[in-house]
PDB file of N, CA and C in Angstrom:
ATOM      1  N   MET A   1      47.361 244.675 -67.340  1.00  0.00           N
ATOM      2  CA  MET A   1      47.769 245.671 -66.340  1.00  0.00           C
ATOM      3  C   MET A   1      47.631 245.176 -64.919  1.00  0.00           C
ATOM      4  N   ARG A   2      46.947 244.045 -64.747  1.00  0.00           N
ATOM      5  CA  ARG A   2      46.792 243.516 -63.391  1.00  0.00           C
ATOM      6  C   ARG A   2      48.195 243.272 -62.776  1.00  0.00           C
ATOM      7  N   GLY A   3      48.269 243.550 -61.491  1.00  0.00           N
ATOM      8  CA  GLY A   3      49.500 243.405 -60.774  1.00  0.00           C
ATOM      9  C   GLY A   3      50.451 244.670 -60.883  1.00  0.00           C
ATOM     10  N   LYS A   4      50.046 245.634 -61.693  1.00  0.00           N
ATOM     11  CA  LYS A   4      50.854 246.824 -61.858  1.00  0.00           C
ATOM     12  C   LYS A   4      50.359 247.895 -60.835  1.00  0.00           C
ATOM     13  N   ARG A   5      51.246 248.751 -60.452  1.00  0.00           N
ATOM     14  CA  ARG A   5      50.872 249.902 -59.549  1.00  0.00           C
ATOM     15  C   ARG A   5      51.232 251.183 -60.259  1.00  0.00           C
ATOM     16  N   PHE A   6      50.517 252.229 -59.925  1.00  0.00           N
ATOM     17  CA  PHE A   6      50.868 253.533 -60.404  1.00  0.00           C
ATOM     18  C   PHE A   6      50.769 254.545 -59.251  1.00  0.00           C
ATOM     19  N   LEU A   7      51.410 255.656 -59.428  1.00  0.00           N
ATOM     20  CA  LEU A   7      51.375 256.661 -58.412  1.00  0.00           C
ATOM     21  C   LEU A   7      50.844 257.944 -58.972  1.00  0.00           C
ATOM     22  N   PHE A   8      49.832 258.478 -58.362  1.00  0.00           N
ATOM     23  CA  PHE A   8      49.276 259.792 -58.693  1.00  0.00           C
ATOM     24  C   PHE A   8      49.994 260.837 -57.804  1.00  0.00           C
ATOM     25  N   LEU A   9      50.692 261.709 -58.340  1.00  0.00           N
ATOM     26  CA  LEU A   9      51.383 262.744 -57.586  1.00  0.00           C
ATOM     27  C   LEU A   9      50.670 264.056 -57.753  1.00  0.00           C
ATOM     28  N   LEU A  10      50.186 264.638 -56.651  1.00  0.00           N
ATOM     29  CA  LEU A  10      49.403 265.865 -56.689  1.00  0.00           C
ATOM     30  C   LEU A  10      50.101 266.960 -55.834  1.00  0.00           C
ATOM     31  N   GLY A  11      50.262 268.109 -56.453  1.00  0.00           N
ATOM     32  CA  GLY A  11      50.787 269.247 -55.753  1.00  0.00           C
ATOM     33  C   GLY A  11      49.640 270.183 -55.461  1.00  0.00           C
ATOM     34  N   GLY A  12      49.324 270.392 -54.157  1.00  0.00           N
ATOM     35  CA  GLY A  12      48.228 271.292 -53.821  1.00  0.00           C
ATOM     36  C   GLY A  12      47.579 270.828 -52.489  1.00  0.00           C
ATOM     37  N   GLU A  13      46.231 271.073 -52.452  1.00  0.00           N
ATOM     38  CA  GLU A  13      45.540 270.751 -51.254  1.00  0.00           C
ATOM     39  C   GLU A  13      44.429 269.678 -51.526  1.00  0.00           C
ATOM     40  N   PHE A  14      43.676 269.303 -50.503  1.00  0.00           N
ATOM     41  CA  PHE A  14      42.614 268.318 -50.582  1.00  0.00           C
ATOM     42  C   PHE A  14      41.266 269.019 -50.890  1.00  0.00           C
ATOM     43  N   ASN A  15      41.245 269.921 -51.852  1.00  0.00           N
ATOM     44  CA  ASN A  15      39.982 270.545 -52.229  1.00  0.00           C
ATOM     45  C   ASN A  15      39.043 269.438 -52.748  1.00  0.00           C
ATOM     46  N   ALA A  16      37.957 269.200 -51.969  1.00  0.00           N
ATOM     47  CA  ALA A  16      37.117 268.025 -52.233  1.00  0.00           C
ATOM     48  C   ALA A  16      36.567 267.946 -53.663  1.00  0.00           C
ATOM     49  N   ARG A  17      36.117 269.027 -54.188  1.00  0.00           N
ATOM     50  CA  ARG A  17      35.461 268.976 -55.510  1.00  0.00           C
ATOM     51  C   ARG A  17      36.510 268.598 -56.602  1.00  0.00           C
ATOM     52  N   VAL A  18      37.614 269.223 -56.584  1.00  0.00           N
ATOM     53  CA  VAL A  18      38.652 268.999 -57.607  1.00  0.00           C
ATOM     54  C   VAL A  18      39.247 267.653 -57.435  1.00  0.00           C
ATOM     55  N   ILE A  19      39.691 267.276 -56.225  1.00  0.00           N
ATOM     56  CA  ILE A  19      40.356 266.030 -55.994  1.00  0.00           C
ATOM     57  C   ILE A  19      39.455 264.866 -56.234  1.00  0.00           C
ATOM     58  N   ASP A  20      38.193 264.929 -55.768  1.00  0.00           N
ATOM     59  CA  ASP A  20      37.248 263.803 -55.974  1.00  0.00           C
ATOM     60  C   ASP A  20      36.934 263.582 -57.414  1.00  0.00           C
ATOM     61  N   SER A  21      36.663 264.634 -58.135  1.00  0.00           N
ATOM     62  CA  SER A  21      36.240 264.425 -59.533  1.00  0.00           C
ATOM     63  C   SER A  21      37.368 264.129 -60.518  1.00  0.00           C
ATOM     64  N   GLN A  22      38.551 264.716 -60.236  1.00  0.00           N
ATOM     65  CA  GLN A  22      39.638 264.582 -61.222  1.00  0.00           C
ATOM     66  C   GLN A  22      40.695 263.540 -60.850  1.00  0.00           C
ATOM     67  N   VAL A  23      40.828 263.219 -59.594  1.00  0.00           N
ATOM     68  CA  VAL A  23      41.888 262.349 -59.168  1.00  0.00           C
ATOM     69  C   VAL A  23      41.350 261.057 -58.569  1.00  0.00           C
ATOM     70  N   VAL A  24      40.573 261.191 -57.512  1.00  0.00           N
ATOM     71  CA  VAL A  24      40.062 259.972 -56.767  1.00  0.00           C
ATOM     72  C   VAL A  24      39.213 259.140 -57.655  1.00  0.00           C
ATOM     73  N   ASP A  25      38.299 259.715 -58.398  1.00  0.00           N
ATOM     74  CA  ASP A  25      37.420 258.924 -59.285  1.00  0.00           C
ATOM     75  C   ASP A  25      38.217 258.162 -60.350  1.00  0.00           C
ATOM     76  N   SER A  26      39.297 258.770 -60.824  1.00  0.00           N
ATOM     77  CA  SER A  26      40.161 258.104 -61.773  1.00  0.00           C
ATOM     78  C   SER A  26      40.901 256.915 -61.135  1.00  0.00           C
ATOM     79  N   ILE A  27      41.421 257.119 -59.944  1.00  0.00           N
ATOM     80  CA  ILE A  27      42.093 256.010 -59.264  1.00  0.00           C
ATOM     81  C   ILE A  27      41.130 254.897 -58.980  1.00  0.00           C
ATOM     82  N   VAL A  28      39.885 255.171 -58.539  1.00  0.00           N
ATOM     83  CA  VAL A  28      38.904 254.152 -58.293  1.00  0.00           C
ATOM     84  C   VAL A  28      38.561 253.396 -59.541  1.00  0.00           C
ATOM     85  N   ALA A  29      38.351 254.108 -60.656  1.00  0.00           N
ATOM     86  CA  ALA A  29      38.002 253.483 -61.934  1.00  0.00           C
ATOM     87  C   ALA A  29      39.094 252.531 -62.394  1.00  0.00           C
ATOM     88  N   VAL A  30      40.371 252.960 -62.307  1.00  0.00           N
ATOM     89  CA  VAL A  30      41.445 252.078 -62.716  1.00  0.00           C
ATOM     90  C   VAL A  30      41.592 250.897 -61.720  1.00  0.00           C
ATOM     91  N   GLY A  31      41.295 251.179 -60.436  1.00  0.00           N
ATOM     92  CA  GLY A  31      41.329 250.153 -59.431  1.00  0.00           C
ATOM     93  C   GLY A  31      40.299 249.020 -59.756  1.00  0.00           C
ATOM     94  N   GLU A  32      39.177 249.387 -60.313  1.00  0.00           N
ATOM     95  CA  GLU A  32      38.129 248.384 -60.684  1.00  0.00           C
ATOM     96  C   GLU A  32      38.628 247.461 -61.800  1.00  0.00           C
ATOM     97  N   LEU A  33      39.653 247.889 -62.481  1.00  0.00           N
ATOM     98  CA  LEU A  33      40.249 247.063 -63.550  1.00  0.00           C
ATOM     99  C   LEU A  33      41.390 246.162 -63.005  1.00  0.00           C
ATOM    100  N   GLY A  34      41.667 246.353 -61.728  1.00  0.00           N
ATOM    101  CA  GLY A  34      42.688 245.521 -61.002  1.00  0.00           C
ATOM    102  C   GLY A  34      44.033 246.214 -60.879  1.00  0.00           C
ATOM    103  N   VAL A  35      44.096 247.479 -61.199  1.00  0.00           N
ATOM    104  CA  VAL A  35      45.361 248.204 -61.149  1.00  0.00           C
ATOM    105  C   VAL A  35      45.401 248.991 -59.846  1.00  0.00           C
ATOM    106  N   GLN A  36      46.371 248.764 -58.982  1.00  0.00           N
ATOM    107  CA  GLN A  36      46.443 249.513 -57.733  1.00  0.00           C
ATOM    108  C   GLN A  36      47.118 250.843 -57.926  1.00  0.00           C
ATOM    109  N   GLY A  37      46.499 251.877 -57.376  1.00  0.00           N
ATOM    110  CA  GLY A  37      47.081 253.201 -57.488  1.00  0.00           C
ATOM    111  C   GLY A  37      47.203 253.857 -56.094  1.00  0.00           C
ATOM    112  N   ASP A  38      48.342 254.524 -55.925  1.00  0.00           N
ATOM    113  CA  ASP A  38      48.620 255.249 -54.717  1.00  0.00           C
ATOM    114  C   ASP A  38      48.524 256.761 -54.994  1.00  0.00           C
ATOM    115  N   LEU A  39      48.173 257.511 -53.980  1.00  0.00           N
ATOM    116  CA  LEU A  39      48.115 258.974 -54.152  1.00  0.00           C
ATOM    117  C   LEU A  39      49.029 259.595 -53.176  1.00  0.00           C
ATOM    118  N   THR A  40      49.942 260.446 -53.676  1.00  0.00           N
ATOM    119  CA  THR A  40      50.909 261.213 -52.866  1.00  0.00           C
ATOM    120  C   THR A  40      50.616 262.665 -53.115  1.00  0.00           C
ATOM    121  N   VAL A  41      50.368 263.413 -52.018  1.00  0.00           N
ATOM    122  CA  VAL A  41      50.011 264.841 -52.101  1.00  0.00           C
ATOM    123  C   VAL A  41      51.139 265.633 -51.482  1.00  0.00           C
ATOM    124  N   LEU A  42      51.655 266.626 -52.201  1.00  0.00           N
ATOM    125  CA  LEU A  42      52.663 267.543 -51.713  1.00  0.00           C
ATOM    126  C   LEU A  42      51.997 268.832 -51.417  1.00  0.00           C
ATOM    127  N   MET A  43      51.997 269.308 -50.140  1.00  0.00           N
ATOM    128  CA  MET A  43      51.352 270.554 -49.736  1.00  0.00           C
ATOM    129  C   MET A  43      52.371 271.555 -49.216  1.00  0.00           C
ATOM    130  N   HIS A  44      52.110 272.834 -49.537  1.00  0.00           N
ATOM    131  CA  HIS A  44      52.950 273.859 -48.940  1.00  0.00           C
ATOM    132  C   HIS A  44      52.612 274.012 -47.494  1.00  0.00           C
ATOM    133  N   ASP A  45      53.559 274.702 -46.757  1.00  0.00           N
ATOM    134  CA  ASP A  45      53.443 274.702 -45.314  1.00  0.00           C
ATOM    135  C   ASP A  45      52.165 275.263 -44.730  1.00  0.00           C
ATOM    136  N   ALA A  46      51.532 276.291 -45.322  1.00  0.00           N
ATOM    137  CA  ALA A  46      50.301 276.884 -44.829  1.00  0.00           C
ATOM    138  C   ALA A  46      49.174 275.815 -44.769  1.00  0.00           C
ATOM    139  N   ALA A  47      48.936 275.139 -45.866  1.00  0.00           N
ATOM    140  CA  ALA A  47      47.887 274.134 -45.922  1.00  0.00           C
ATOM    141  C   ALA A  47      48.261 272.926 -45.124  1.00  0.00           C
ATOM    142  N   PHE A  48      49.501 272.574 -45.079  1.00  0.00           N
ATOM    143  CA  PHE A  48      49.937 271.376 -44.339  1.00  0.00           C
ATOM    144  C   PHE A  48      49.747 271.544 -42.806  1.00  0.00           C
ATOM    145  N   PHE A  49      50.166 272.698 -42.285  1.00  0.00           N
ATOM    146  CA  PHE A  49      50.143 272.921 -40.843  1.00  0.00           C
ATOM    147  C   PHE A  49      48.835 273.453 -40.319  1.00  0.00           C
ATOM    148  N   ARG A  50      48.161 274.375 -41.060  1.00  0.00           N
ATOM    149  CA  ARG A  50      46.942 275.023 -40.531  1.00  0.00           C
ATOM    150  C   ARG A  50      45.737 274.193 -40.636  1.00  0.00           C
ATOM    151  N   ARG A  51      45.701 273.254 -41.610  1.00  0.00           N
ATOM    152  CA  ARG A  51      44.506 272.395 -41.894  1.00  0.00           C
ATOM    153  C   ARG A  51      44.710 270.981 -41.538  1.00  0.00           C
ATOM    154  N   ARG A  52      45.480 270.671 -40.452  1.00  0.00           N
ATOM    155  CA  ARG A  52      45.823 269.316 -40.105  1.00  0.00           C
ATOM    156  C   ARG A  52      44.629 268.420 -39.896  1.00  0.00           C
ATOM    157  N   LYS A  53      43.631 268.911 -39.167  1.00  0.00           N
ATOM    158  CA  LYS A  53      42.448 268.048 -38.880  1.00  0.00           C
ATOM    159  C   LYS A  53      41.697 267.742 -40.187  1.00  0.00           C
ATOM    160  N   PHE A  54      41.470 268.818 -40.961  1.00  0.00           N
ATOM    161  CA  PHE A  54      40.790 268.632 -42.268  1.00  0.00           C
ATOM    162  C   PHE A  54      41.587 267.624 -43.152  1.00  0.00           C
ATOM    163  N   ASN A  55      42.863 267.843 -43.259  1.00  0.00           N
ATOM    164  CA  ASN A  55      43.704 266.984 -44.057  1.00  0.00           C
ATOM    165  C   ASN A  55      43.626 265.510 -43.571  1.00  0.00           C
ATOM    166  N   ARG A  56      43.611 265.283 -42.254  1.00  0.00           N
ATOM    167  CA  ARG A  56      43.560 263.946 -41.758  1.00  0.00           C
ATOM    168  C   ARG A  56      42.230 263.280 -42.090  1.00  0.00           C
ATOM    169  N   CYS A  57      41.170 263.997 -41.963  1.00  0.00           N
ATOM    170  CA  CYS A  57      39.799 263.498 -42.350  1.00  0.00           C
ATOM    171  C   CYS A  57      39.722 263.207 -43.860  1.00  0.00           C
ATOM    172  N   ARG A  58      40.210 264.099 -44.666  1.00  0.00           N
ATOM    173  CA  ARG A  58      40.168 263.858 -46.109  1.00  0.00           C
ATOM    174  C   ARG A  58      41.061 262.696 -46.498  1.00  0.00           C
ATOM    175  N   ARG A  59      42.139 262.598 -45.853  1.00  0.00           N
ATOM    176  CA  ARG A  59      43.103 261.423 -46.127  1.00  0.00           C
ATOM    177  C   ARG A  59      42.360 260.126 -45.867  1.00  0.00           C
ATOM    178  N   ARG A  60      41.674 260.079 -44.722  1.00  0.00           N
ATOM    179  CA  ARG A  60      40.904 258.836 -44.398  1.00  0.00           C
ATOM    180  C   ARG A  60      39.762 258.526 -45.410  1.00  0.00           C
ATOM    181  N   GLU A  61      39.077 259.588 -45.798  1.00  0.00           N
ATOM    182  CA  GLU A  61      37.958 259.424 -46.773  1.00  0.00           C
ATOM    183  C   GLU A  61      38.502 258.851 -48.101  1.00  0.00           C
ATOM    184  N   ILE A  62      39.604 259.434 -48.563  1.00  0.00           N
ATOM    185  CA  ILE A  62      40.174 259.006 -49.784  1.00  0.00           C
ATOM    186  C   ILE A  62      40.759 257.588 -49.710  1.00  0.00           C
ATOM    187  N   ALA A  63      41.485 257.343 -48.586  1.00  0.00           N
ATOM    188  CA  ALA A  63      42.030 255.996 -48.395  1.00  0.00           C
ATOM    189  C   ALA A  63      40.960 254.888 -48.376  1.00  0.00           C
ATOM    190  N   ALA A  64      39.767 255.252 -47.906  1.00  0.00           N
ATOM    191  CA  ALA A  64      38.681 254.212 -47.865  1.00  0.00           C
ATOM    192  C   ALA A  64      38.160 253.950 -49.316  1.00  0.00           C
ATOM    193  N   ARG A  65      38.357 254.871 -50.240  1.00  0.00           N
ATOM    194  CA  ARG A  65      37.826 254.697 -51.589  1.00  0.00           C
ATOM    195  C   ARG A  65      38.837 254.095 -52.575  1.00  0.00           C
ATOM    196  N   ILE A  66      40.102 254.367 -52.419  1.00  0.00           N
ATOM    197  CA  ILE A  66      41.033 253.942 -53.454  1.00  0.00           C
ATOM    198  C   ILE A  66      41.735 252.644 -53.067  1.00  0.00           C
ATOM    199  N   PRO A  67      42.200 251.888 -54.022  1.00  0.00           N
ATOM    200  CA  PRO A  67      42.853 250.619 -53.689  1.00  0.00           C
ATOM    201  C   PRO A  67      44.345 250.700 -53.447  1.00  0.00           C
ATOM    202  N   GLY A  68      44.775 251.793 -52.903  1.00  0.00           N
ATOM    203  CA  GLY A  68      46.182 252.026 -52.634  1.00  0.00           C
ATOM    204  C   GLY A  68      46.439 252.870 -51.407  1.00  0.00           C
ATOM    205  N   ARG A  69      47.616 253.405 -51.300  1.00  0.00           N
ATOM    206  CA  ARG A  69      48.037 254.175 -50.109  1.00  0.00           C
ATOM    207  C   ARG A  69      47.920 255.668 -50.446  1.00  0.00           C
ATOM    208  N   VAL A  70      47.561 256.444 -49.399  1.00  0.00           N
ATOM    209  CA  VAL A  70      47.472 257.874 -49.489  1.00  0.00           C
ATOM    210  C   VAL A  70      48.525 258.460 -48.541  1.00  0.00           C
ATOM    211  N   SER A  71      49.448 259.253 -49.132  1.00  0.00           N
ATOM    212  CA  SER A  71      50.551 259.888 -48.384  1.00  0.00           C
ATOM    213  C   SER A  71      50.471 261.369 -48.598  1.00  0.00           C
ATOM    214  N   VAL A  72      50.749 262.129 -47.537  1.00  0.00           N
ATOM    215  CA  VAL A  72      50.782 263.600 -47.598  1.00  0.00           C
ATOM    216  C   VAL A  72      52.097 264.019 -47.046  1.00  0.00           C
ATOM    217  N   TYR A  73      52.774 264.845 -47.874  1.00  0.00           N
ATOM    218  CA  TYR A  73      54.079 265.388 -47.406  1.00  0.00           C
ATOM    219  C   TYR A  73      54.182 266.870 -47.516  1.00  0.00           C
ATOM    220  N   LEU A  74      54.999 267.500 -46.698  1.00  0.00           N
ATOM    221  CA  LEU A  74      55.289 268.909 -46.803  1.00  0.00           C
ATOM    222  C   LEU A  74      56.094 269.169 -48.050  1.00  0.00           C
ATOM    223  N   SER A  75      55.687 270.053 -48.856  1.00  0.00           N
ATOM    224  CA  SER A  75      56.372 270.385 -50.106  1.00  0.00           C
ATOM    225  C   SER A  75      57.426 271.418 -49.894  1.00  0.00           C
ATOM    226  N   PRO A  76      58.571 271.256 -50.448  1.00  0.00           N
ATOM    227  CA  PRO A  76      59.619 272.296 -50.335  1.00  0.00           C
ATOM    228  C   PRO A  76      59.199 273.510 -51.171  1.00  0.00           C
ATOM    229  N   ARG A  77      59.536 274.717 -50.696  1.00  0.00           N
ATOM    230  CA  ARG A  77      59.293 275.900 -51.479  1.00  0.00           C
ATOM    231  C   ARG A  77      60.569 276.341 -52.183  1.00  0.00           C
ATOM    232  N   GLN A  78      60.390 276.717 -53.382  1.00  0.00           N
ATOM    233  CA  GLN A  78      61.516 277.097 -54.176  1.00  0.00           C
ATOM    234  C   GLN A  78      62.249 278.297 -53.549  1.00  0.00           C
ATOM    235  N   GLY A  79      63.536 278.146 -53.391  1.00  0.00           N
ATOM    236  CA  GLY A  79      64.351 279.271 -52.897  1.00  0.00           C
ATOM    237  C   GLY A  79      64.340 279.443 -51.378  1.00  0.00           C
ATOM    238  N   VAL A  80      63.719 278.530 -50.662  1.00  0.00           N
ATOM    239  CA  VAL A  80      63.705 278.602 -49.180  1.00  0.00           C
ATOM    240  C   VAL A  80      64.448 277.400 -48.655  1.00  0.00           C
ATOM    241  N   LYS A  81      65.711 277.563 -48.289  1.00  0.00           N
ATOM    242  CA  LYS A  81      66.506 276.429 -47.959  1.00  0.00           C
ATOM    243  C   LYS A  81      66.042 275.780 -46.623  1.00  0.00           C
ATOM    244  N   LEU A  82      65.587 276.495 -45.660  1.00  0.00           N
ATOM    245  CA  LEU A  82      65.087 275.902 -44.399  1.00  0.00           C
ATOM    246  C   LEU A  82      63.872 275.076 -44.654  1.00  0.00           C
ATOM    247  N   GLY A  83      62.988 275.592 -45.521  1.00  0.00           N
ATOM    248  CA  GLY A  83      61.758 274.839 -45.886  1.00  0.00           C
ATOM    249  C   GLY A  83      62.101 273.581 -46.625  1.00  0.00           C
ATOM    250  N   ASP A  84      63.090 273.612 -47.517  1.00  0.00           N
ATOM    251  CA  ASP A  84      63.534 272.448 -48.277  1.00  0.00           C
ATOM    252  C   ASP A  84      64.028 271.385 -47.271  1.00  0.00           C
ATOM    253  N   ALA A  85      64.830 271.825 -46.319  1.00  0.00           N
ATOM    254  CA  ALA A  85      65.427 270.895 -45.299  1.00  0.00           C
ATOM    255  C   ALA A  85      64.352 270.251 -44.494  1.00  0.00           C
ATOM    256  N   ALA A  86      63.358 271.029 -44.050  1.00  0.00           N
ATOM    257  CA  ALA A  86      62.280 270.481 -43.244  1.00  0.00           C
ATOM    258  C   ALA A  86      61.452 269.482 -44.001  1.00  0.00           C
ATOM    259  N   ALA A  87      61.105 269.835 -45.252  1.00  0.00           N
ATOM    260  CA  ALA A  87      60.242 268.967 -46.076  1.00  0.00           C
ATOM    261  C   ALA A  87      61.028 267.690 -46.401  1.00  0.00           C
ATOM    262  N   SER A  88      62.302 267.772 -46.722  1.00  0.00           N
ATOM    263  CA  SER A  88      63.124 266.600 -47.016  1.00  0.00           C
ATOM    264  C   SER A  88      63.213 265.697 -45.804  1.00  0.00           C
ATOM    265  N   ALA A  89      63.403 266.301 -44.643  1.00  0.00           N
ATOM    266  CA  ALA A  89      63.509 265.511 -43.393  1.00  0.00           C
ATOM    267  C   ALA A  89      62.226 264.749 -43.117  1.00  0.00           C
ATOM    268  N   LEU A  90      61.072 265.395 -43.269  1.00  0.00           N
ATOM    269  CA  LEU A  90      59.801 264.705 -43.030  1.00  0.00           C
ATOM    270  C   LEU A  90      59.612 263.563 -44.025  1.00  0.00           C
ATOM    271  N   LEU A  91      59.942 263.785 -45.262  1.00  0.00           N
ATOM    272  CA  LEU A  91      59.815 262.707 -46.239  1.00  0.00           C
ATOM    273  C   LEU A  91      60.794 261.583 -45.983  1.00  0.00           C
ATOM    274  N   ALA A  92      61.979 261.841 -45.592  1.00  0.00           N
ATOM    275  CA  ALA A  92      62.926 260.797 -45.288  1.00  0.00           C
ATOM    276  C   ALA A  92      62.546 260.018 -44.035  1.00  0.00           C
ATOM    277  N   LEU A  93      61.946 260.742 -43.039  1.00  0.00           N
ATOM    278  CA  LEU A  93      61.537 260.066 -41.834  1.00  0.00           C
ATOM    279  C   LEU A  93      60.395 259.087 -42.174  1.00  0.00           C
ATOM    280  N   ASP A  94      59.438 259.454 -43.043  1.00  0.00           N
ATOM    281  CA  ASP A  94      58.350 258.562 -43.399  1.00  0.00           C
ATOM    282  C   ASP A  94      58.894 257.364 -44.183  1.00  0.00           C
ATOM    283  N   VAL A  95      59.811 257.570 -45.083  1.00  0.00           N
ATOM    284  CA  VAL A  95      60.360 256.482 -45.834  1.00  0.00           C
ATOM    285  C   VAL A  95      61.134 255.538 -44.932  1.00  0.00           C
ATOM    286  N   LEU A  96      61.855 256.062 -43.973  1.00  0.00           N
ATOM    287  CA  LEU A  96      62.598 255.231 -43.038  1.00  0.00           C
ATOM    288  C   LEU A  96      61.657 254.431 -42.082  1.00  0.00           C
ATOM    289  N   ARG A  97      60.566 255.041 -41.701  1.00  0.00           N
ATOM    290  CA  ARG A  97      59.603 254.451 -40.776  1.00  0.00           C
ATOM    291  C   ARG A  97      58.871 253.339 -41.459  1.00  0.00           C
ATOM    292  N   HIS A  98      58.567 253.498 -42.752  1.00  0.00           N
ATOM    293  CA  HIS A  98      57.714 252.556 -43.451  1.00  0.00           C
ATOM    294  C   HIS A  98      58.303 252.142 -44.778  1.00  0.00           C
ATOM    295  N   PRO A  99      59.431 251.435 -44.754  1.00  0.00           N
ATOM    296  CA  PRO A  99      60.021 251.044 -46.037  1.00  0.00           C
ATOM    297  C   PRO A  99      59.205 249.992 -46.712  1.00  0.00           C
ATOM    298  N   ARG A 100      58.864 250.214 -47.930  1.00  0.00           N
ATOM    299  CA  ARG A 100      58.135 249.247 -48.753  1.00  0.00           C
ATOM    300  C   ARG A 100      56.876 248.749 -48.091  1.00  0.00           C
ATOM    301  N   CYS A 101      56.066 249.619 -47.556  1.00  0.00           N
ATOM    302  CA  CYS A 101      54.770 249.231 -46.895  1.00  0.00           C
ATOM    303  C   CYS A 101      53.629 249.705 -47.782  1.00  0.00           C
ATOM    304  N   ALA A 102      53.649 249.410 -49.001  1.00  0.00           N
ATOM    305  CA  ALA A 102      52.641 249.950 -49.907  1.00  0.00           C
ATOM    306  C   ALA A 102      51.268 249.378 -49.647  1.00  0.00           C
ATOM    307  N   ASN A 103      51.184 248.242 -49.022  1.00  0.00           N
ATOM    308  CA  ASN A 103      49.794 247.650 -48.787  1.00  0.00           C
ATOM    309  C   ASN A 103      49.226 247.957 -47.403  1.00  0.00           C
ATOM    310  N   ARG A 104      49.924 248.727 -46.651  1.00  0.00           N
ATOM    311  CA  ARG A 104      49.405 248.996 -45.301  1.00  0.00           C
ATOM    312  C   ARG A 104      48.298 250.035 -45.370  1.00  0.00           C
ATOM    313  N   ASP A 105      47.421 250.046 -44.384  1.00  0.00           N
ATOM    314  CA  ASP A 105      46.341 251.002 -44.286  1.00  0.00           C
ATOM    315  C   ASP A 105      46.908 252.283 -43.594  1.00  0.00           C
ATOM    316  N   PRO A 106      47.036 253.397 -44.322  1.00  0.00           N
ATOM    317  CA  PRO A 106      47.637 254.579 -43.710  1.00  0.00           C
ATOM    318  C   PRO A 106      46.878 255.166 -42.573  1.00  0.00           C
ATOM    319  N   CYS A 107      45.600 254.802 -42.432  1.00  0.00           N
ATOM    320  CA  CYS A 107      44.787 255.385 -41.314  1.00  0.00           C
ATOM    321  C   CYS A 107      44.933 254.624 -40.020  1.00  0.00           C
ATOM    322  N   THR A 108      45.468 253.429 -40.089  1.00  0.00           N
ATOM    323  CA  THR A 108      45.628 252.637 -38.830  1.00  0.00           C
ATOM    324  C   THR A 108      47.047 252.596 -38.342  1.00  0.00           C
ATOM    325  N   GLN A 109      47.920 253.351 -38.972  1.00  0.00           N
ATOM    326  CA  GLN A 109      49.339 253.353 -38.562  1.00  0.00           C
ATOM    327  C   GLN A 109      49.573 254.493 -37.562  1.00  0.00           C
TER     328      GLN A 109
END
C-alpha cells in the first residue's frame, strides 16, 4: 500500500470529538503504515460562513496531524440552485488555483 493515496470525504462540521476519534485517528494510523490520506470536508453554508475562525483553527490542527491535505468546501444544498452555483464556483476556483498540489501545506498557502 505504500505510495498509494486515499481520500476521506466528510459531510458535516469539524466537531472535535467525532472527527478526531473516527476520522483523524484513522488517517493517522494508516499514515503510519506509509499510506497518505487527504481529508475533504463539505460543509453547509451556516457552518461554513459563521464558524470561519473555528474552522480555520481546526483545519490547521488536523493538517498538523495527518500525512495529507485538508480541504474544506461549501457544500451545495439539495434543491437550491443559487447555493449549488456558489458551492461549485468555490470548488472550481480552488481546483484552478491549486491543480495537483496534493503535497502542499494547506496552512501556508
